[in-house]
Amino acid sequence: MFGRVLRIWLVALVTILSYYVANKVLKAATRRGLSAEREEALLSSLHLLMAPWLCRHLVGLRSVFVKFGQYISGRTDMVPPEWAASLALLQDDLPPSPAGHLRDTARSELGFDASEIFESLDAMPVASASIGQGVGGDAGEDRAVLKLQHRGVDSLMRRDMVSALRIARLMQWLDPRYSAFHTVLAAWEGEMFAELDFRTEARNLRQVQLNLRAAGVSVAIPTPLLASRRCLVMTFEEGFKITDSRALALHGVDANALMSRVISAYAQCIFVDGFFNADPHAGNLLVRVPPHGGEAMPVRRHRRREGRGACGGGRG
């Protein structure tokens, strides 16, 4: 564990010190006549160098670091465009856990083998995220998803959050402009730990289904079938990523109409129900197109959290 903490701090210090030194040098150069355009170009070059480097390390570290990266990828008020573009790659799937771990986790959580529910399970997961992964399979005449927590992720995320908060405090101390990172992490800490119990996700999926159905808003949301702390079985919902411009064009999706439906759903969740998805990055939304024509429907992907204050995630 000491080796992991050392790795976390080495990655953090390389990133922080690179910008600390660069800002000092650029400030001195500006006093000597460096133009604002040249300063911006030099900073952009640094962003293009550091952002992909850090993202590769975040994927290797997984845990809270991937989740925080996913969140700030959509916060262009917190990070420059070069960083937002690199961090957006964290919205894609992470390397999956071994099949043996999945079978063992399912058996220990459910009390019986997954084969008693699934006639067969797919070789590749439909999604693999920082907390768990989902595997599709045939359950009788229907398709379903078995979502399982990665091995040891609970204790790992709790330890990593301590390091993450300390790093954010260091950033805040070095430059008050970065205080927002610590504010977001501290507020997010409690919600993140709630995600480690999949029974919470199951309750929230049911709640948001009821809310949107009562409001007459059409959004496809997986239906929970069976849930324990580290295991969740739910219906399988087909779709492609909402940012997949090729698929949208191929299926002739009216992007304006689609986004109007997405906005209507979130407006209902936030302003009327007070129960909304607090992790609404593009990796969590899919699009379903009816096989015989019709309007495209937003689909909540088989991953990540729903929660209080949530169309699925945290309050506020």
Protein backbone atom coordinates (compact mmCIF):
# COMPACT_ATOMS: atom_id res chain seq x y z
CA MET A 1 0.00 0.00 0.00
CA PHE A 2 2.93 2.37 0.68
CA GLY A 3 4.01 1.85 -2.94
CA ARG A 4 0.59 2.98 -4.17
CA VAL A 5 0.60 6.09 -1.97
CA LEU A 6 4.10 6.91 -3.22
CA ARG A 7 2.96 6.51 -6.82
CA ILE A 8 -0.07 8.75 -6.23
CA TRP A 9 2.06 11.50 -4.72
CA LEU A 10 4.76 11.25 -7.41
CA VAL A 11 2.14 11.68 -10.14
CA ALA A 12 0.53 14.56 -8.24
CA LEU A 13 3.81 16.35 -7.50
CA VAL A 14 5.09 16.07 -11.08
CA THR A 15 1.83 17.64 -12.31
CA ILE A 16 1.61 20.33 -9.63
CA LEU A 17 5.28 21.34 -9.78
CA SER A 18 5.23 21.45 -13.59
CA TYR A 19 2.52 24.10 -13.47
CA TYR A 20 3.97 25.87 -10.45
CA VAL A 21 7.35 26.32 -12.16
CA ALA A 22 5.77 27.15 -15.52
CA ASN A 23 3.61 29.86 -13.99
CA LYS A 24 6.62 31.39 -12.19
CA VAL A 25 8.71 31.38 -15.38
CA LEU A 26 5.89 32.80 -17.51
CA LYS A 27 5.17 35.52 -14.97
CA ALA A 28 8.83 36.59 -15.04
CA ALA A 29 8.88 36.42 -18.85
CA THR A 30 5.74 38.57 -19.02
CA ARG A 31 7.47 41.28 -17.01
CA ARG A 32 10.25 41.17 -19.61
CA GLY A 33 7.83 41.68 -22.48
CA LEU A 34 6.38 38.25 -23.33
CA SER A 35 3.09 38.84 -25.15
CA ALA A 36 -0.19 37.46 -23.83
CA GLU A 37 -0.67 35.46 -27.05
CA ARG A 38 2.74 33.81 -26.67
CA GLU A 39 2.09 33.07 -23.00
CA GLU A 40 -1.22 31.43 -23.88
CA ALA A 41 0.43 29.36 -26.61
CA LEU A 42 3.13 28.13 -24.22
CA LEU A 43 0.54 27.19 -21.58
CA SER A 44 -1.48 25.35 -24.22
CA SER A 45 1.63 23.35 -25.17
CA LEU A 46 2.11 22.42 -21.52
CA HIS A 47 -1.55 21.36 -21.26
CA LEU A 48 -1.21 19.16 -24.35
CA LEU A 49 1.85 17.50 -22.82
CA MET A 50 0.61 17.04 -19.25
CA ALA A 51 -3.06 16.18 -19.74
CA PRO A 52 -2.58 12.88 -21.67
CA TRP A 53 0.30 11.92 -19.35
CA LEU A 54 -1.81 12.41 -16.23
CA CYS A 55 -4.83 10.66 -17.75
CA ARG A 56 -2.76 7.54 -18.45
CA HIS A 57 -1.76 7.48 -14.78
CA LEU A 58 -5.33 8.06 -13.62
CA VAL A 59 -6.48 5.02 -15.61
CA GLY A 60 -3.72 2.98 -13.95
CA LEU A 61 -4.68 4.22 -10.48
CA ARG A 62 -8.45 3.83 -11.11
CA SER A 63 -10.48 4.36 -7.92
CA VAL A 64 -11.44 7.93 -6.94
CA PHE A 65 -8.96 9.43 -9.38
CA VAL A 66 -10.83 8.17 -12.44
CA LYS A 67 -14.16 9.25 -10.99
CA PHE A 68 -12.92 12.75 -10.23
CA GLY A 69 -11.35 12.98 -13.68
CA GLN A 70 -14.65 11.99 -15.26
CA TYR A 71 -16.42 14.68 -13.28
CA ILE A 72 -14.11 17.58 -14.08
CA SER A 73 -13.93 16.58 -17.76
CA GLY A 74 -17.28 18.34 -18.08
CA ARG A 75 -16.31 21.30 -15.91
CA THR A 76 -14.75 23.67 -18.43
CA ASP A 77 -14.99 26.35 -15.77
CA MET A 78 -12.38 24.39 -13.77
CA VAL A 79 -10.05 23.04 -16.48
CA PRO A 80 -8.86 24.40 -19.85
CA PRO A 81 -10.15 22.83 -23.13
CA GLU A 82 -6.97 20.76 -23.63
CA TRP A 83 -7.51 19.10 -20.25
CA ALA A 84 -11.25 18.62 -20.82
CA ALA A 85 -10.55 16.79 -24.10
CA SER A 86 -8.06 14.38 -22.48
CA LEU A 87 -10.14 13.81 -19.36
CA ALA A 88 -13.18 13.01 -21.52
CA LEU A 89 -11.42 9.77 -22.48
CA LEU A 90 -11.93 8.63 -18.87
CA GLN A 91 -15.66 8.41 -19.66
CA ASP A 92 -14.90 5.30 -21.70
CA ASP A 93 -14.60 1.85 -20.18
CA LEU A 94 -11.67 0.79 -17.99
CA PRO A 95 -9.87 -2.58 -18.08
CA PRO A 96 -12.23 -5.30 -16.70
CA SER A 97 -11.71 -7.63 -13.75
CA PRO A 98 -10.86 -11.32 -14.39
CA ALA A 99 -13.79 -13.67 -15.08
CA GLY A 100 -12.88 -15.78 -12.03
CA HIS A 101 -13.32 -12.82 -9.69
CA LEU A 102 -16.75 -12.13 -11.19
CA ARG A 103 -17.93 -15.69 -10.60
CA ASP A 104 -16.63 -15.68 -7.01
CA THR A 105 -18.19 -12.31 -6.21
CA ALA A 106 -21.56 -13.30 -7.67
CA ARG A 107 -21.56 -16.55 -5.67
CA SER A 108 -20.59 -14.89 -2.37
CA GLU A 109 -23.06 -12.02 -2.77
CA LEU A 110 -26.07 -13.92 -4.11
CA GLY A 111 -25.57 -17.14 -2.20
CA PHE A 112 -25.80 -19.18 -5.40
CA ASP A 113 -24.09 -19.42 -8.77
CA ALA A 114 -24.92 -16.85 -11.46
CA SER A 115 -25.74 -19.73 -13.80
CA GLU A 116 -28.99 -20.18 -11.86
CA ILE A 117 -30.13 -16.83 -13.31
CA PHE A 118 -28.16 -16.62 -16.55
CA GLU A 119 -28.15 -19.32 -19.19
CA SER A 120 -25.00 -17.69 -20.54
CA LEU A 121 -22.84 -14.62 -19.88
CA ASP A 122 -21.02 -12.60 -22.52
CA ALA A 123 -17.24 -12.90 -22.72
CA MET A 124 -16.77 -9.11 -22.74
CA PRO A 125 -18.39 -6.67 -20.29
CA VAL A 126 -20.91 -4.10 -21.53
CA ALA A 127 -19.15 -1.57 -19.29
CA SER A 128 -16.26 -1.44 -16.83
CA ALA A 129 -15.98 1.57 -14.53
CA SER A 130 -14.02 2.61 -11.45
CA ILE A 131 -16.25 0.78 -8.95
CA GLY A 132 -17.51 -2.21 -10.89
CA GLN A 133 -18.33 -3.72 -14.24
CA GLY A 134 -21.43 -5.05 -15.97
CA VAL A 135 -21.63 -8.26 -17.97
CA GLY A 136 -24.56 -8.96 -20.27
CA GLY A 137 -26.17 -12.37 -20.51
CA ASP A 138 -29.25 -14.38 -21.46
CA ALA A 139 -31.74 -14.77 -18.61
CA GLY A 140 -34.52 -16.89 -20.06
CA GLU A 141 -36.09 -15.06 -23.00
CA ASP A 142 -34.68 -11.69 -21.95
CA ARG A 143 -31.28 -10.04 -21.78
CA ALA A 144 -30.00 -8.88 -18.40
CA VAL A 145 -26.86 -7.35 -16.91
CA LEU A 146 -24.86 -8.66 -13.96
CA LYS A 147 -23.05 -5.73 -12.32
CA LEU A 148 -20.31 -6.67 -9.87
CA GLN A 149 -17.94 -4.62 -7.73
CA HIS A 150 -14.21 -4.84 -8.42
CA ARG A 151 -12.15 -6.75 -5.86
CA GLY A 152 -11.05 -4.60 -2.90
CA VAL A 153 -12.38 -1.36 -4.38
CA ASP A 154 -14.24 -0.34 -1.18
CA SER A 155 -11.17 -0.10 1.08
CA LEU A 156 -9.04 1.17 -1.81
CA MET A 157 -11.33 4.13 -2.51
CA ARG A 158 -11.53 5.07 1.16
CA ARG A 159 -7.74 5.17 1.44
CA ASP A 160 -7.32 6.97 -1.87
CA MET A 161 -9.78 9.67 -0.85
CA VAL A 162 -7.44 10.61 2.02
CA SER A 163 -4.59 11.13 -0.47
CA ALA A 164 -6.85 12.97 -2.92
CA LEU A 165 -8.02 15.45 -0.28
CA ARG A 166 -4.45 16.10 0.89
CA ILE A 167 -3.33 16.72 -2.70
CA ALA A 168 -6.24 19.12 -3.21
CA ARG A 169 -5.28 20.99 -0.02
CA LEU A 170 -1.70 21.30 -1.29
CA MET A 171 -2.98 22.72 -4.59
CA GLN A 172 -5.17 25.19 -2.71
CA TRP A 173 -2.22 26.28 -0.53
CA LEU A 174 0.05 26.80 -3.53
CA ASP A 175 -2.57 28.70 -5.52
CA PRO A 176 -6.01 29.76 -4.16
CA ARG A 177 -7.38 29.55 -7.71
CA TYR A 178 -7.42 25.76 -7.26
CA SER A 179 -9.58 25.85 -4.11
CA ALA A 180 -12.57 24.62 -6.14
CA PHE A 181 -10.93 21.20 -6.49
CA HIS A 182 -10.86 20.71 -2.71
CA THR A 183 -14.40 22.05 -2.33
CA VAL A 184 -15.77 19.61 -4.91
CA LEU A 185 -13.84 16.62 -3.50
CA ALA A 186 -14.93 17.30 0.08
CA ALA A 187 -18.59 17.67 -0.92
CA TRP A 188 -18.43 14.59 -3.13
CA GLU A 189 -16.81 12.30 -0.55
CA GLY A 190 -19.99 11.13 1.20
CA GLU A 191 -21.90 10.57 -2.03
CA MET A 192 -19.08 8.52 -3.47
CA PHE A 193 -19.08 6.07 -0.57
CA ALA A 194 -22.84 5.59 -0.98
CA GLU A 195 -22.10 4.23 -4.47
CA LEU A 196 -20.23 1.32 -2.92
CA ASP A 197 -23.56 -0.26 -1.89
CA PHE A 198 -25.39 -1.37 -5.04
CA ARG A 199 -28.63 -1.69 -3.07
CA THR A 200 -28.70 2.11 -3.02
CA GLU A 201 -28.43 2.17 -6.81
CA ALA A 202 -31.27 -0.36 -7.11
CA ARG A 203 -33.57 1.77 -4.91
CA ASN A 204 -32.70 4.89 -6.85
CA LEU A 205 -33.27 3.26 -10.23
CA ARG A 206 -36.75 2.24 -9.11
CA GLN A 207 -37.47 5.72 -7.75
CA VAL A 208 -36.43 7.58 -10.89
CA GLN A 209 -38.41 5.15 -13.05
CA LEU A 210 -41.54 5.89 -11.01
CA ASN A 211 -40.92 9.64 -11.12
CA LEU A 212 -40.40 9.86 -14.88
CA ARG A 213 -43.21 7.45 -15.67
CA ALA A 214 -45.61 9.51 -13.56
CA ALA A 215 -44.48 12.66 -15.41
CA GLY A 216 -44.91 11.01 -18.83
CA VAL A 217 -41.23 11.46 -19.72
CA SER A 218 -39.81 8.70 -21.96
CA VAL A 219 -36.36 7.56 -20.83
CA ALA A 220 -35.17 3.94 -20.88
CA ILE A 221 -33.78 3.02 -17.45
CA PRO A 222 -32.64 -0.48 -16.40
CA THR A 223 -35.01 -2.23 -14.02
CA PRO A 224 -33.32 -3.79 -10.95
CA LEU A 225 -34.10 -7.49 -10.60
CA LEU A 226 -31.83 -8.52 -7.72
CA ALA A 227 -29.44 -6.52 -5.54
CA SER A 228 -26.88 -6.98 -2.77
CA ARG A 229 -24.08 -4.74 -1.52
CA ARG A 230 -21.63 -5.71 -4.26
CA CYS A 231 -23.91 -7.27 -6.90
CA LEU A 232 -26.79 -5.95 -9.01
CA VAL A 233 -28.83 -7.76 -11.65
CA MET A 234 -30.89 -5.52 -13.95
CA THR A 235 -32.57 -5.54 -17.33
CA PHE A 236 -30.40 -4.91 -20.38
CA GLU A 237 -31.01 -1.65 -22.27
CA GLU A 238 -29.56 -1.36 -25.79
CA GLY A 239 -28.10 1.87 -27.14
CA PHE A 240 -25.07 3.74 -28.41
CA LYS A 241 -23.16 6.61 -26.79
CA ILE A 242 -24.94 9.94 -27.02
CA THR A 243 -21.76 11.63 -28.31
CA ASP A 244 -21.31 9.08 -31.14
CA SER A 245 -21.90 11.48 -34.03
CA ARG A 246 -21.47 8.74 -36.65
CA ALA A 247 -24.17 6.55 -35.13
CA LEU A 248 -26.49 9.55 -34.72
CA ALA A 249 -26.04 10.40 -38.41
CA LEU A 250 -26.33 6.77 -39.54
CA HIS A 251 -29.70 6.41 -37.80
CA GLY A 252 -30.88 9.84 -38.89
CA VAL A 253 -31.39 11.01 -35.32
CA ASP A 254 -32.73 14.55 -34.93
CA ALA A 255 -30.10 15.83 -32.48
CA ASN A 256 -32.19 18.84 -31.44
CA ALA A 257 -35.22 16.68 -30.68
CA LEU A 258 -33.05 14.20 -28.78
CA MET A 259 -31.43 16.89 -26.64
CA SER A 260 -34.85 18.39 -25.99
CA ARG A 261 -35.93 15.03 -24.51
CA VAL A 262 -32.75 14.78 -22.44
CA ILE A 263 -33.22 18.32 -21.11
CA SER A 264 -36.89 17.65 -20.35
CA ALA A 265 -35.95 14.55 -18.39
CA TYR A 266 -33.29 16.36 -16.35
CA ALA A 267 -35.55 19.38 -15.78
CA GLN A 268 -38.23 17.05 -14.42
CA CYS A 269 -35.72 15.28 -12.18
CA ILE A 270 -34.01 18.41 -10.86
CA PHE A 271 -36.74 21.05 -10.64
CA VAL A 272 -39.83 18.93 -10.00
CA ASP A 273 -38.78 15.67 -8.35
CA GLY A 274 -35.58 16.85 -6.64
CA PHE A 275 -34.10 13.45 -7.52
CA PHE A 276 -31.50 13.56 -10.28
CA ASN A 277 -28.36 11.99 -11.75
CA ALA A 278 -25.38 13.81 -10.24
CA ASP A 279 -22.95 12.11 -12.64
CA PRO A 280 -24.40 13.19 -16.01
CA HIS A 281 -21.32 12.99 -18.23
CA ALA A 282 -21.70 11.66 -21.77
CA GLY A 283 -20.42 8.20 -20.81
CA ASN A 284 -23.58 7.64 -18.77
CA LEU A 285 -26.10 8.38 -21.52
CA LEU A 286 -26.92 6.15 -24.48
CA VAL A 287 -29.37 6.55 -27.36
CA ARG A 288 -31.87 3.92 -28.46
CA VAL A 289 -33.34 4.05 -31.96
CA PRO A 290 -36.50 1.97 -32.63
CA PRO A 291 -35.77 -0.72 -35.27
CA HIS A 292 -38.77 0.28 -37.39
CA GLY A 293 -38.43 4.04 -37.09
CA GLY A 294 -39.60 6.57 -34.57
CA GLU A 295 -38.05 9.05 -32.17
CA ALA A 296 -34.68 8.31 -30.57
CA MET A 297 -34.90 7.69 -26.83
CA PRO A 298 -32.32 8.59 -24.15
CA VAL A 299 -31.03 5.54 -22.25
CA ARG A 300 -29.40 5.56 -18.82
CA ARG A 301 -26.27 3.39 -19.23
CA HIS A 302 -25.58 0.24 -17.15
CA ARG A 303 -23.05 1.93 -14.89
CA ARG A 304 -22.44 4.48 -12.19
CA ARG A 305 -24.64 6.01 -9.68
CA GLU A 306 -28.12 7.21 -8.99
CA GLY A 307 -28.79 8.93 -5.70
CA ARG A 308 -30.86 11.24 -3.52
CA GLY A 309 -31.33 14.58 -5.06
CA ALA A 310 -30.85 12.18 -8.16
CA CYS A 311 -32.44 11.19 -11.66
CA GLY A 312 -30.19 9.03 -10.46
CA GLY A 313 -26.86 10.70 -8.04
CA GLY A 314 -26.36 13.14 -5.07
CA ARG A 315 -28.38 15.99 -3.71
CA GLY A 316 -27.93 19.39 -5.26
